[in-house]
Amino acid sequence: MLLDLVSHLLIGLLLINMVVEAIRLPGQAGRFRGLLTAAPAARLRFYRRLVAASWAVAAPVPVIMWTSSGLSAADLGWAWPNGDGLDYLFAGVLLVSIVLGGRARRRLVRGGGLSPGQVNPMVPQTGAERRWAAMVAVSAGITEEMVYRGLLIGVGTVLYDLPTVPVVLAALALFVAGHIHQGWRSVAPVALLGGLFTVIYLMSGSLLLAMVVHVSWDLAILLVPLPVSRPEPKPTMAQTAPPTVAPTVKPTVAPTVEPQVVS
């Protein structure tokens, strides 16, 4: 009984945190973009904070599973896919689409038709940023599926016996709200992606395929090439030679010869 109370308390705190973030984040879009371009190390700091925050939010999930008598690991998506192959087929189609789309953006950037910043403000600009961006992709793909698909849908439909459709829509709405700091233009793409991840999860009854597709989508950002730093042109000989100073020629003044008086 006490352990069940702990699980309900953790679920409530997690939901409150999500709602607060959903209210707070819409006003952070401009600050988010400014943060990524404020200083050379700003994007790296953002990646590190994002990795830590992702795992912090997902940390209560296993605790809720272990303390709740009404939830099993399978209820939260910790099971092998069982969608009769259609789930694998759908996930495979999405993976191929992700790779093809990433390669198309890569060619576009290399051809000069698009800058890395126009693709996504989170596109890494250095080798160190690319390594941390990969960690962000893996962390977000795993933890967001644990929370937004596994926990929210499992808790709503199994533990609280709520109808599936409203629970799924509420979980999707919270997923979109959690990404609203990227700007209002991101709402439709994030909603579409979240919907696809949800379909994979419901088809398979497992988080595994949804995690693989989610991580792959986030890793596709690494297909965008690093910006090419153009070397500054070397100065020419004419630019490097010291200025020539013409010598000052003093005018020659003829001596004055006074006339001699011969007596």
C-alpha atoms as a PDB file:
ATOM      1  CA  MET A   1       0.000   0.000   0.000  1.00  0.00           C
ATOM      2  CA  LEU A   2       2.779   2.425   0.909  1.00  0.00           C
ATOM      3  CA  LEU A   3       4.704   1.555  -2.254  1.00  0.00           C
ATOM      4  CA  ASP A   4       1.589   2.180  -4.335  1.00  0.00           C
ATOM      5  CA  LEU A   5       1.297   5.588  -2.705  1.00  0.00           C
ATOM      6  CA  VAL A   6       4.890   6.324  -3.712  1.00  0.00           C
ATOM      7  CA  SER A   7       4.158   5.405  -7.313  1.00  0.00           C
ATOM      8  CA  HIS A   8       1.052   7.635  -7.427  1.00  0.00           C
ATOM      9  CA  LEU A   9       3.025  10.484  -5.871  1.00  0.00           C
ATOM     10  CA  LEU A  10       5.801  10.166  -8.465  1.00  0.00           C
ATOM     11  CA  ILE A  11       3.277  10.052 -11.311  1.00  0.00           C
ATOM     12  CA  GLY A  12       1.608  13.197  -9.978  1.00  0.00           C
ATOM     13  CA  LEU A  13       4.905  15.063  -9.620  1.00  0.00           C
ATOM     14  CA  LEU A  14       5.962  14.054 -13.120  1.00  0.00           C
ATOM     15  CA  LEU A  15       2.678  15.255 -14.616  1.00  0.00           C
ATOM     16  CA  ILE A  16       2.861  18.543 -12.714  1.00  0.00           C
ATOM     17  CA  ASN A  17       6.381  19.098 -14.009  1.00  0.00           C
ATOM     18  CA  MET A  18       5.241  18.437 -17.590  1.00  0.00           C
ATOM     19  CA  VAL A  19       2.335  20.852 -17.301  1.00  0.00           C
ATOM     20  CA  VAL A  20       4.531  23.562 -15.785  1.00  0.00           C
ATOM     21  CA  GLU A  21       7.073  23.110 -18.577  1.00  0.00           C
ATOM     22  CA  ALA A  22       4.286  23.243 -21.172  1.00  0.00           C
ATOM     23  CA  ILE A  23       3.207  26.621 -19.781  1.00  0.00           C
ATOM     24  CA  ARG A  24       6.740  27.988 -19.413  1.00  0.00           C
ATOM     25  CA  LEU A  25       8.436  26.819 -22.617  1.00  0.00           C
ATOM     26  CA  PRO A  26       6.435  28.750 -25.275  1.00  0.00           C
ATOM     27  CA  GLY A  27       8.088  31.980 -24.144  1.00  0.00           C
ATOM     28  CA  GLN A  28      11.546  30.427 -24.321  1.00  0.00           C
ATOM     29  CA  ALA A  29      11.769  29.944 -28.111  1.00  0.00           C
ATOM     30  CA  GLY A  30      13.671  33.172 -28.757  1.00  0.00           C
ATOM     31  CA  ARG A  31      15.930  32.595 -25.767  1.00  0.00           C
ATOM     32  CA  PHE A  32      16.576  29.048 -26.983  1.00  0.00           C
ATOM     33  CA  ARG A  33      17.827  30.227 -30.378  1.00  0.00           C
ATOM     34  CA  GLY A  34      19.804  33.036 -28.807  1.00  0.00           C
ATOM     35  CA  LEU A  35      21.394  30.584 -26.380  1.00  0.00           C
ATOM     36  CA  LEU A  36      22.660  28.397 -29.213  1.00  0.00           C
ATOM     37  CA  THR A  37      24.282  31.315 -31.011  1.00  0.00           C
ATOM     38  CA  ALA A  38      25.416  33.445 -28.069  1.00  0.00           C
ATOM     39  CA  ALA A  39      28.927  32.055 -27.769  1.00  0.00           C
ATOM     40  CA  PRO A  40      31.034  29.258 -29.266  1.00  0.00           C
ATOM     41  CA  ALA A  41      30.595  27.084 -26.135  1.00  0.00           C
ATOM     42  CA  ALA A  42      26.870  27.780 -25.675  1.00  0.00           C
ATOM     43  CA  ARG A  43      25.668  24.934 -27.883  1.00  0.00           C
ATOM     44  CA  LEU A  44      27.992  22.486 -26.120  1.00  0.00           C
ATOM     45  CA  ARG A  45      26.656  23.525 -22.699  1.00  0.00           C
ATOM     46  CA  PHE A  46      23.116  23.151 -24.002  1.00  0.00           C
ATOM     47  CA  TYR A  47      23.817  19.591 -25.190  1.00  0.00           C
ATOM     48  CA  ARG A  48      25.236  18.629 -21.793  1.00  0.00           C
ATOM     49  CA  ARG A  49      22.270  20.067 -19.906  1.00  0.00           C
ATOM     50  CA  LEU A  50      19.856  18.332 -22.265  1.00  0.00           C
ATOM     51  CA  VAL A  51      21.458  14.927 -21.689  1.00  0.00           C
ATOM     52  CA  ALA A  52      21.297  15.376 -17.916  1.00  0.00           C
ATOM     53  CA  ALA A  53      17.703  16.655 -18.008  1.00  0.00           C
ATOM     54  CA  SER A  54      16.539  13.769 -20.223  1.00  0.00           C
ATOM     55  CA  TRP A  55      17.714  11.105 -17.806  1.00  0.00           C
ATOM     56  CA  ALA A  56      16.519  13.059 -14.773  1.00  0.00           C
ATOM     57  CA  VAL A  57      12.956  13.150 -16.133  1.00  0.00           C
ATOM     58  CA  ALA A  58      13.035   9.440 -16.998  1.00  0.00           C
ATOM     59  CA  ALA A  59      14.568   8.357 -13.675  1.00  0.00           C
ATOM     60  CA  PRO A  60      11.178   7.940 -11.889  1.00  0.00           C
ATOM     61  CA  VAL A  61       9.891   5.512 -14.549  1.00  0.00           C
ATOM     62  CA  PRO A  62      11.567   2.327 -13.227  1.00  0.00           C
ATOM     63  CA  VAL A  63      10.772   3.400  -9.658  1.00  0.00           C
ATOM     64  CA  ILE A  64       7.087   3.746 -10.574  1.00  0.00           C
ATOM     65  CA  MET A  65       7.145   0.318 -12.220  1.00  0.00           C
ATOM     66  CA  TRP A  66       8.725  -1.347  -9.176  1.00  0.00           C
ATOM     67  CA  THR A  67       6.534   0.344  -6.559  1.00  0.00           C
ATOM     68  CA  SER A  68       3.175   0.004  -8.311  1.00  0.00           C
ATOM     69  CA  SER A  69       1.268  -3.229  -7.790  1.00  0.00           C
ATOM     70  CA  GLY A  70      -0.958  -2.442 -10.784  1.00  0.00           C
ATOM     71  CA  LEU A  71       1.788  -2.089 -13.391  1.00  0.00           C
ATOM     72  CA  SER A  72       4.112  -4.589 -14.993  1.00  0.00           C
ATOM     73  CA  ALA A  73       7.132  -4.043 -17.184  1.00  0.00           C
ATOM     74  CA  ALA A  74       5.091  -5.027 -20.253  1.00  0.00           C
ATOM     75  CA  ASP A  75       2.425  -2.431 -19.347  1.00  0.00           C
ATOM     76  CA  LEU A  76       5.112   0.238 -19.725  1.00  0.00           C
ATOM     77  CA  GLY A  77       6.374  -1.107 -23.030  1.00  0.00           C
ATOM     78  CA  TRP A  78       9.283  -3.191 -21.751  1.00  0.00           C
ATOM     79  CA  ALA A  79       8.595  -6.223 -23.934  1.00  0.00           C
ATOM     80  CA  TRP A  80       9.585  -7.607 -27.312  1.00  0.00           C
ATOM     81  CA  PRO A  81       7.585  -6.343 -30.312  1.00  0.00           C
ATOM     82  CA  ASN A  82       4.562  -8.515 -31.102  1.00  0.00           C
ATOM     83  CA  GLY A  83       2.958  -6.805 -34.073  1.00  0.00           C
ATOM     84  CA  ASP A  84       3.075  -9.832 -36.433  1.00  0.00           C
ATOM     85  CA  GLY A  85       5.791  -8.257 -38.547  1.00  0.00           C
ATOM     86  CA  LEU A  86       3.827  -5.192 -39.569  1.00  0.00           C
ATOM     87  CA  ASP A  87       5.477  -3.191 -36.798  1.00  0.00           C
ATOM     88  CA  TYR A  88       8.932  -4.114 -38.118  1.00  0.00           C
ATOM     89  CA  LEU A  89       7.847  -3.267 -41.669  1.00  0.00           C
ATOM     90  CA  PHE A  90       6.497   0.129 -40.657  1.00  0.00           C
ATOM     91  CA  ALA A  91       9.599   0.911 -38.620  1.00  0.00           C
ATOM     92  CA  GLY A  92      11.795  -0.156 -41.541  1.00  0.00           C
ATOM     93  CA  VAL A  93       9.982   2.175 -43.930  1.00  0.00           C
ATOM     94  CA  LEU A  94      10.459   5.056 -41.510  1.00  0.00           C
ATOM     95  CA  LEU A  95      14.168   4.274 -41.098  1.00  0.00           C
ATOM     96  CA  VAL A  96      14.702   4.279 -44.868  1.00  0.00           C
ATOM     97  CA  SER A  97      12.832   7.588 -45.121  1.00  0.00           C
ATOM     98  CA  ILE A  98      14.998   9.093 -42.379  1.00  0.00           C
ATOM     99  CA  VAL A  99      18.217   8.082 -44.140  1.00  0.00           C
ATOM    100  CA  LEU A 100      17.046   9.322 -47.548  1.00  0.00           C
ATOM    101  CA  GLY A 101      15.835  12.616 -46.104  1.00  0.00           C
ATOM    102  CA  GLY A 102      19.083  13.130 -44.200  1.00  0.00           C
ATOM    103  CA  ARG A 103      21.160  12.464 -47.297  1.00  0.00           C
ATOM    104  CA  ALA A 104      19.048  14.915 -49.303  1.00  0.00           C
ATOM    105  CA  ARG A 105      19.619  17.661 -46.724  1.00  0.00           C
ATOM    106  CA  ARG A 106      23.320  16.812 -46.729  1.00  0.00           C
ATOM    107  CA  ARG A 107      23.540  17.298 -50.493  1.00  0.00           C
ATOM    108  CA  LEU A 108      21.588  20.518 -50.250  1.00  0.00           C
ATOM    109  CA  VAL A 109      23.927  21.939 -47.617  1.00  0.00           C
ATOM    110  CA  ARG A 110      27.014  20.859 -49.535  1.00  0.00           C
ATOM    111  CA  GLY A 111      25.639  22.455 -52.666  1.00  0.00           C
ATOM    112  CA  GLY A 112      25.232  25.761 -50.873  1.00  0.00           C
ATOM    113  CA  GLY A 113      21.450  25.809 -51.145  1.00  0.00           C
ATOM    114  CA  LEU A 114      21.016  25.623 -47.375  1.00  0.00           C
ATOM    115  CA  SER A 115      23.153  26.483 -44.379  1.00  0.00           C
ATOM    116  CA  PRO A 116      23.446  24.095 -41.399  1.00  0.00           C
ATOM    117  CA  GLY A 117      21.732  26.656 -39.158  1.00  0.00           C
ATOM    118  CA  GLN A 118      18.723  26.757 -41.492  1.00  0.00           C
ATOM    119  CA  VAL A 119      18.269  23.001 -41.190  1.00  0.00           C
ATOM    120  CA  ASN A 120      18.036  23.147 -37.403  1.00  0.00           C
ATOM    121  CA  PRO A 121      19.539  25.524 -34.817  1.00  0.00           C
ATOM    122  CA  MET A 122      20.718  22.457 -32.915  1.00  0.00           C
ATOM    123  CA  VAL A 123      22.965  21.307 -35.786  1.00  0.00           C
ATOM    124  CA  PRO A 124      26.462  20.829 -34.314  1.00  0.00           C
ATOM    125  CA  GLN A 125      29.163  23.086 -35.694  1.00  0.00           C
ATOM    126  CA  THR A 126      32.322  21.348 -34.392  1.00  0.00           C
ATOM    127  CA  GLY A 127      33.615  17.831 -33.821  1.00  0.00           C
ATOM    128  CA  ALA A 128      33.090  18.078 -30.055  1.00  0.00           C
ATOM    129  CA  GLU A 129      29.529  19.269 -30.596  1.00  0.00           C
ATOM    130  CA  ARG A 130      28.857  16.335 -32.913  1.00  0.00           C
ATOM    131  CA  ARG A 131      29.896  13.876 -30.190  1.00  0.00           C
ATOM    132  CA  TRP A 132      27.594  15.502 -27.662  1.00  0.00           C
ATOM    133  CA  ALA A 133      24.798  15.773 -30.236  1.00  0.00           C
ATOM    134  CA  ALA A 134      25.024  11.994 -30.679  1.00  0.00           C
ATOM    135  CA  MET A 135      24.632  11.555 -26.913  1.00  0.00           C
ATOM    136  CA  VAL A 136      21.634  13.897 -26.977  1.00  0.00           C
ATOM    137  CA  ALA A 137      20.055  11.839 -29.768  1.00  0.00           C
ATOM    138  CA  VAL A 138      20.476   8.550 -27.931  1.00  0.00           C
ATOM    139  CA  SER A 139      19.368   9.990 -24.578  1.00  0.00           C
ATOM    140  CA  ALA A 140      16.290  11.756 -25.951  1.00  0.00           C
ATOM    141  CA  GLY A 141      15.255   8.814 -28.116  1.00  0.00           C
ATOM    142  CA  ILE A 142      15.320   6.424 -25.166  1.00  0.00           C
ATOM    143  CA  THR A 143      14.026   8.599 -22.327  1.00  0.00           C
ATOM    144  CA  GLU A 144      11.249  10.363 -24.249  1.00  0.00           C
ATOM    145  CA  GLU A 145       9.821   7.028 -25.362  1.00  0.00           C
ATOM    146  CA  MET A 146      10.038   5.760 -21.774  1.00  0.00           C
ATOM    147  CA  VAL A 147       8.051   8.758 -20.530  1.00  0.00           C
ATOM    148  CA  TYR A 148       5.687   9.898 -23.293  1.00  0.00           C
ATOM    149  CA  ARG A 149       4.796   6.523 -24.756  1.00  0.00           C
ATOM    150  CA  GLY A 150       5.534   3.837 -22.174  1.00  0.00           C
ATOM    151  CA  LEU A 151       4.715   5.571 -18.898  1.00  0.00           C
ATOM    152  CA  LEU A 152       1.916   7.981 -19.829  1.00  0.00           C
ATOM    153  CA  ILE A 153      -0.016   5.548 -22.008  1.00  0.00           C
ATOM    154  CA  GLY A 154       0.560   2.597 -19.664  1.00  0.00           C
ATOM    155  CA  VAL A 155      -0.376   4.503 -16.518  1.00  0.00           C
ATOM    156  CA  GLY A 156      -3.447   6.058 -18.126  1.00  0.00           C
ATOM    157  CA  THR A 157      -4.892   2.923 -19.717  1.00  0.00           C
ATOM    158  CA  VAL A 158      -3.786   0.222 -17.254  1.00  0.00           C
ATOM    159  CA  LEU A 159      -3.357   1.811 -13.842  1.00  0.00           C
ATOM    160  CA  TYR A 160      -6.182   4.365 -14.060  1.00  0.00           C
ATOM    161  CA  ASP A 161      -8.318   2.455 -16.603  1.00  0.00           C
ATOM    162  CA  LEU A 162      -8.913   5.467 -18.850  1.00  0.00           C
ATOM    163  CA  PRO A 163      -9.994   5.212 -22.525  1.00  0.00           C
ATOM    164  CA  THR A 164      -7.073   4.670 -24.890  1.00  0.00           C
ATOM    165  CA  VAL A 165      -7.740   7.465 -27.387  1.00  0.00           C
ATOM    166  CA  PRO A 166      -7.883  10.369 -24.887  1.00  0.00           C
ATOM    167  CA  VAL A 167      -4.792   9.028 -23.097  1.00  0.00           C
ATOM    168  CA  VAL A 168      -2.853   8.752 -26.359  1.00  0.00           C
ATOM    169  CA  LEU A 169      -3.861  12.261 -27.428  1.00  0.00           C
ATOM    170  CA  ALA A 170      -2.943  13.699 -24.024  1.00  0.00           C
ATOM    171  CA  ALA A 171       0.458  11.990 -24.126  1.00  0.00           C
ATOM    172  CA  LEU A 172       1.046  13.333 -27.638  1.00  0.00           C
ATOM    173  CA  ALA A 173       0.032  16.850 -26.558  1.00  0.00           C
ATOM    174  CA  LEU A 174       2.532  16.737 -23.674  1.00  0.00           C
ATOM    175  CA  PHE A 175       5.219  15.472 -26.056  1.00  0.00           C
ATOM    176  CA  VAL A 176       4.636  18.417 -28.392  1.00  0.00           C
ATOM    177  CA  ALA A 177       4.546  20.851 -25.472  1.00  0.00           C
ATOM    178  CA  GLY A 178       7.902  19.529 -24.295  1.00  0.00           C
ATOM    179  CA  HIS A 179       9.452  20.636 -27.617  1.00  0.00           C
ATOM    180  CA  ILE A 180       7.707  23.980 -27.999  1.00  0.00           C
ATOM    181  CA  HIS A 181      10.902  25.819 -27.040  1.00  0.00           C
ATOM    182  CA  GLN A 182      12.072  25.099 -30.597  1.00  0.00           C
ATOM    183  CA  GLY A 183       9.462  27.561 -31.864  1.00  0.00           C
ATOM    184  CA  TRP A 184       5.876  27.452 -33.064  1.00  0.00           C
ATOM    185  CA  ARG A 185       6.965  26.284 -36.503  1.00  0.00           C
ATOM    186  CA  SER A 186       8.117  23.042 -34.897  1.00  0.00           C
ATOM    187  CA  VAL A 187       4.654  22.156 -33.569  1.00  0.00           C
ATOM    188  CA  ALA A 188       3.377  20.392 -36.704  1.00  0.00           C
ATOM    189  CA  PRO A 189       6.577  18.397 -37.422  1.00  0.00           C
ATOM    190  CA  VAL A 190       6.931  17.359 -33.770  1.00  0.00           C
ATOM    191  CA  ALA A 191       3.265  16.329 -33.619  1.00  0.00           C
ATOM    192  CA  LEU A 192       3.706  14.259 -36.790  1.00  0.00           C
ATOM    193  CA  LEU A 193       6.819  12.559 -35.454  1.00  0.00           C
ATOM    194  CA  GLY A 194       5.221  11.916 -32.081  1.00  0.00           C
ATOM    195  CA  GLY A 195       2.210  10.431 -33.848  1.00  0.00           C
ATOM    196  CA  LEU A 196       4.419   8.069 -35.858  1.00  0.00           C
ATOM    197  CA  PHE A 197       6.312   6.972 -32.744  1.00  0.00           C
ATOM    198  CA  THR A 198       2.976   6.351 -31.029  1.00  0.00           C
ATOM    199  CA  VAL A 199       1.695   4.244 -33.936  1.00  0.00           C
ATOM    200  CA  ILE A 200       4.845   2.098 -33.815  1.00  0.00           C
ATOM    201  CA  TYR A 201       4.434   1.660 -30.061  1.00  0.00           C
ATOM    202  CA  LEU A 202       0.747   0.710 -30.283  1.00  0.00           C
ATOM    203  CA  MET A 203       1.377  -1.669 -33.203  1.00  0.00           C
ATOM    204  CA  SER A 204       4.241  -3.480 -31.483  1.00  0.00           C
ATOM    205  CA  GLY A 205       3.304  -3.171 -27.814  1.00  0.00           C
ATOM    206  CA  SER A 206       6.970  -2.454 -27.231  1.00  0.00           C
ATOM    207  CA  LEU A 207       9.180   0.588 -26.793  1.00  0.00           C
ATOM    208  CA  LEU A 208      12.037  -1.032 -28.689  1.00  0.00           C
ATOM    209  CA  LEU A 209      11.092  -0.134 -32.270  1.00  0.00           C
ATOM    210  CA  ALA A 210       9.886   3.331 -31.273  1.00  0.00           C
ATOM    211  CA  MET A 211      13.207   3.965 -29.543  1.00  0.00           C
ATOM    212  CA  VAL A 212      15.200   2.790 -32.575  1.00  0.00           C
ATOM    213  CA  VAL A 213      13.271   5.044 -34.961  1.00  0.00           C
ATOM    214  CA  HIS A 214      13.350   7.991 -32.543  1.00  0.00           C
ATOM    215  CA  VAL A 215      17.106   7.715 -31.968  1.00  0.00           C
ATOM    216  CA  SER A 216      17.677   7.358 -35.714  1.00  0.00           C
ATOM    217  CA  TRP A 217      15.662  10.495 -36.412  1.00  0.00           C
ATOM    218  CA  ASP A 218      17.664  12.492 -33.889  1.00  0.00           C
ATOM    219  CA  LEU A 219      20.963  11.066 -35.163  1.00  0.00           C
ATOM    220  CA  ALA A 220      20.094  12.168 -38.703  1.00  0.00           C
ATOM    221  CA  ILE A 221      21.185  15.654 -37.651  1.00  0.00           C
ATOM    222  CA  LEU A 222      24.754  14.339 -37.900  1.00  0.00           C
ATOM    223  CA  LEU A 223      24.310  13.825 -41.649  1.00  0.00           C
ATOM    224  CA  VAL A 224      24.414  17.597 -42.052  1.00  0.00           C
ATOM    225  CA  PRO A 225      28.073  18.394 -42.823  1.00  0.00           C
ATOM    226  CA  LEU A 226      30.102  20.686 -40.634  1.00  0.00           C
ATOM    227  CA  PRO A 227      30.342  24.249 -41.900  1.00  0.00           C
ATOM    228  CA  VAL A 228      33.429  24.762 -44.011  1.00  0.00           C
ATOM    229  CA  SER A 229      35.694  27.447 -42.626  1.00  0.00           C
ATOM    230  CA  ARG A 230      37.187  29.332 -45.520  1.00  0.00           C
ATOM    231  CA  PRO A 231      40.811  30.373 -44.986  1.00  0.00           C
ATOM    232  CA  GLU A 232      41.480  34.060 -45.168  1.00  0.00           C
ATOM    233  CA  PRO A 233      43.297  35.053 -48.373  1.00  0.00           C
ATOM    234  CA  LYS A 234      47.016  35.505 -47.924  1.00  0.00           C
ATOM    235  CA  PRO A 235      48.247  39.030 -48.553  1.00  0.00           C
ATOM    236  CA  THR A 236      50.068  39.629 -51.822  1.00  0.00           C
ATOM    237  CA  MET A 237      53.578  40.951 -52.152  1.00  0.00           C
ATOM    238  CA  ALA A 238      52.222  44.378 -52.876  1.00  0.00           C
ATOM    239  CA  GLN A 239      50.193  44.250 -49.655  1.00  0.00           C
ATOM    240  CA  THR A 240      53.071  42.981 -47.524  1.00  0.00           C
ATOM    241  CA  ALA A 241      55.854  45.229 -48.882  1.00  0.00           C
ATOM    242  CA  PRO A 242      56.579  48.223 -46.664  1.00  0.00           C
ATOM    243  CA  PRO A 243      55.479  51.527 -48.092  1.00  0.00           C
ATOM    244  CA  THR A 244      58.122  53.281 -50.160  1.00  0.00           C
ATOM    245  CA  VAL A 245      58.944  56.749 -48.901  1.00  0.00           C
ATOM    246  CA  ALA A 246      60.404  59.036 -51.560  1.00  0.00           C
ATOM    247  CA  PRO A 247      63.474  60.855 -50.305  1.00  0.00           C
ATOM    248  CA  THR A 248      63.047  64.494 -49.658  1.00  0.00           C
ATOM    249  CA  VAL A 249      65.168  66.488 -52.104  1.00  0.00           C
ATOM    250  CA  LYS A 250      66.159  69.827 -50.740  1.00  0.00           C
ATOM    251  CA  PRO A 251      66.418  72.496 -53.390  1.00  0.00           C
ATOM    252  CA  THR A 252      69.934  73.604 -54.126  1.00  0.00           C
ATOM    253  CA  VAL A 253      70.406  77.310 -53.509  1.00  0.00           C
ATOM    254  CA  ALA A 254      73.113  78.907 -55.592  1.00  0.00           C
ATOM    255  CA  PRO A 255      75.567  80.918 -53.430  1.00  0.00           C
ATOM    256  CA  THR A 256      75.262  84.620 -53.617  1.00  0.00           C
ATOM    257  CA  VAL A 257      78.392  86.271 -55.077  1.00  0.00           C
ATOM    258  CA  GLU A 258      78.781  89.837 -54.086  1.00  0.00           C
ATOM    259  CA  PRO A 259      80.444  92.030 -56.732  1.00  0.00           C
ATOM    260  CA  GLN A 260      84.041  93.049 -56.060  1.00  0.00           C
ATOM    261  CA  VAL A 261      84.927  96.712 -56.507  1.00  0.00           C
ATOM    262  CA  VAL A 262      88.304  97.132 -58.110  1.00  0.00           C
ATOM    263  CA  SER A 263      89.851 100.433 -57.405  1.00  0.00           C
END
